[in-house]
Amino acid sequence: MYERIRNLREDKDMTQNQVADYLKIHQTTYSDYELGNLNIPVPILIKLADLYQTSIDYLVGRTDDPAPYSKGKKK
């Protein structure tokens, strides 16, 4: 998972500082997420999935399909 979020960031040509600013966290905290030193909270995963236009399942390695889920109506 941690390598995947780093690769997505690099694919968007973003720095850790830019992603940390988007997430409203410190760069060192974000770096710890990428290194696997800290567990990534669900609200942060949601924001990362939105930033990279993918699903949380893709971020955490539950699927290799990076396509996001459709945001259909809730029942």
Protein backbone atom coordinates (compact mmCIF):
# COMPACT_ATOMS: atom_id res chain seq x y z
CA MET A 1 0.00 0.00 0.00
CA TYR A 2 2.71 2.47 0.95
CA GLU A 3 4.63 2.00 -2.27
CA ARG A 4 1.39 2.44 -4.20
CA ILE A 5 0.61 5.85 -2.66
CA ARG A 6 4.18 6.97 -3.31
CA ASN A 7 3.96 5.84 -6.93
CA LEU A 8 0.64 7.64 -7.43
CA ARG A 9 2.14 10.83 -5.99
CA GLU A 10 5.17 10.58 -8.25
CA ASP A 11 2.97 9.84 -11.29
CA LYS A 12 1.20 13.15 -10.63
CA ASP A 13 4.59 14.90 -10.29
CA MET A 14 3.68 16.03 -6.78
CA THR A 15 6.01 16.47 -3.83
CA GLN A 16 5.32 15.16 -0.37
CA ASN A 17 4.85 18.79 0.71
CA GLN A 18 2.15 19.35 -1.90
CA VAL A 19 0.23 16.25 -0.87
CA ALA A 20 0.65 17.07 2.82
CA ASP A 21 -0.71 20.58 2.17
CA TYR A 22 -3.71 19.08 0.35
CA LEU A 23 -4.32 16.75 3.30
CA LYS A 24 -3.71 19.55 5.82
CA ILE A 25 -1.04 17.56 7.64
CA HIS A 26 2.70 17.95 8.19
CA GLN A 27 5.07 16.70 5.51
CA THR A 28 6.79 14.45 8.05
CA THR A 29 3.47 12.77 8.85
CA TYR A 30 2.84 12.16 5.17
CA SER A 31 6.37 10.81 4.77
CA ASP A 32 5.69 8.38 7.63
CA TYR A 33 2.57 7.21 5.77
CA GLU A 34 4.60 6.50 2.64
CA LEU A 35 7.28 4.69 4.64
CA GLY A 36 4.72 2.57 6.48
CA ASN A 37 5.72 4.01 9.86
CA LEU A 38 2.16 5.19 10.56
CA ASN A 39 -1.21 3.68 9.74
CA ILE A 40 -3.18 5.91 7.40
CA PRO A 41 -6.51 7.02 8.92
CA VAL A 42 -9.65 6.39 6.86
CA PRO A 43 -10.39 10.11 6.32
CA ILE A 44 -6.89 10.51 4.84
CA LEU A 45 -7.40 7.45 2.61
CA ILE A 46 -10.63 8.99 1.33
CA LYS A 47 -8.85 12.24 0.48
CA LEU A 48 -6.01 10.37 -1.23
CA ALA A 49 -8.46 8.32 -3.28
CA ASP A 50 -10.17 11.56 -4.34
CA LEU A 51 -6.85 13.24 -5.16
CA TYR A 52 -5.66 10.32 -7.28
CA GLN A 53 -9.12 9.58 -8.69
CA THR A 54 -9.05 5.96 -7.58
CA SER A 55 -10.66 3.74 -4.95
CA ILE A 56 -9.53 3.06 -1.42
CA ASP A 57 -9.45 -0.62 -2.36
CA TYR A 58 -6.81 0.22 -4.97
CA LEU A 59 -4.80 2.28 -2.47
CA VAL A 60 -4.71 -0.54 0.08
CA GLY A 61 -4.02 -3.27 -2.47
CA ARG A 62 -7.39 -5.05 -2.43
CA THR A 63 -7.64 -4.62 -6.19
CA ASP A 64 -5.24 -3.87 -9.01
CA ASP A 65 -7.91 -1.92 -10.91
CA PRO A 66 -7.22 1.78 -10.34
CA ALA A 67 -10.62 2.86 -11.73
CA PRO A 68 -12.68 4.63 -9.06
CA TYR A 69 -16.08 3.38 -8.05
CA SER A 70 -19.08 5.29 -9.33
CA LYS A 71 -20.68 7.48 -6.71
CA GLY A 72 -24.23 6.28 -7.17
CA LYS A 73 -27.21 7.03 -5.01
CA LYS A 74 -27.25 5.62 -1.50
CA LYS A 75 -30.14 3.39 -0.54
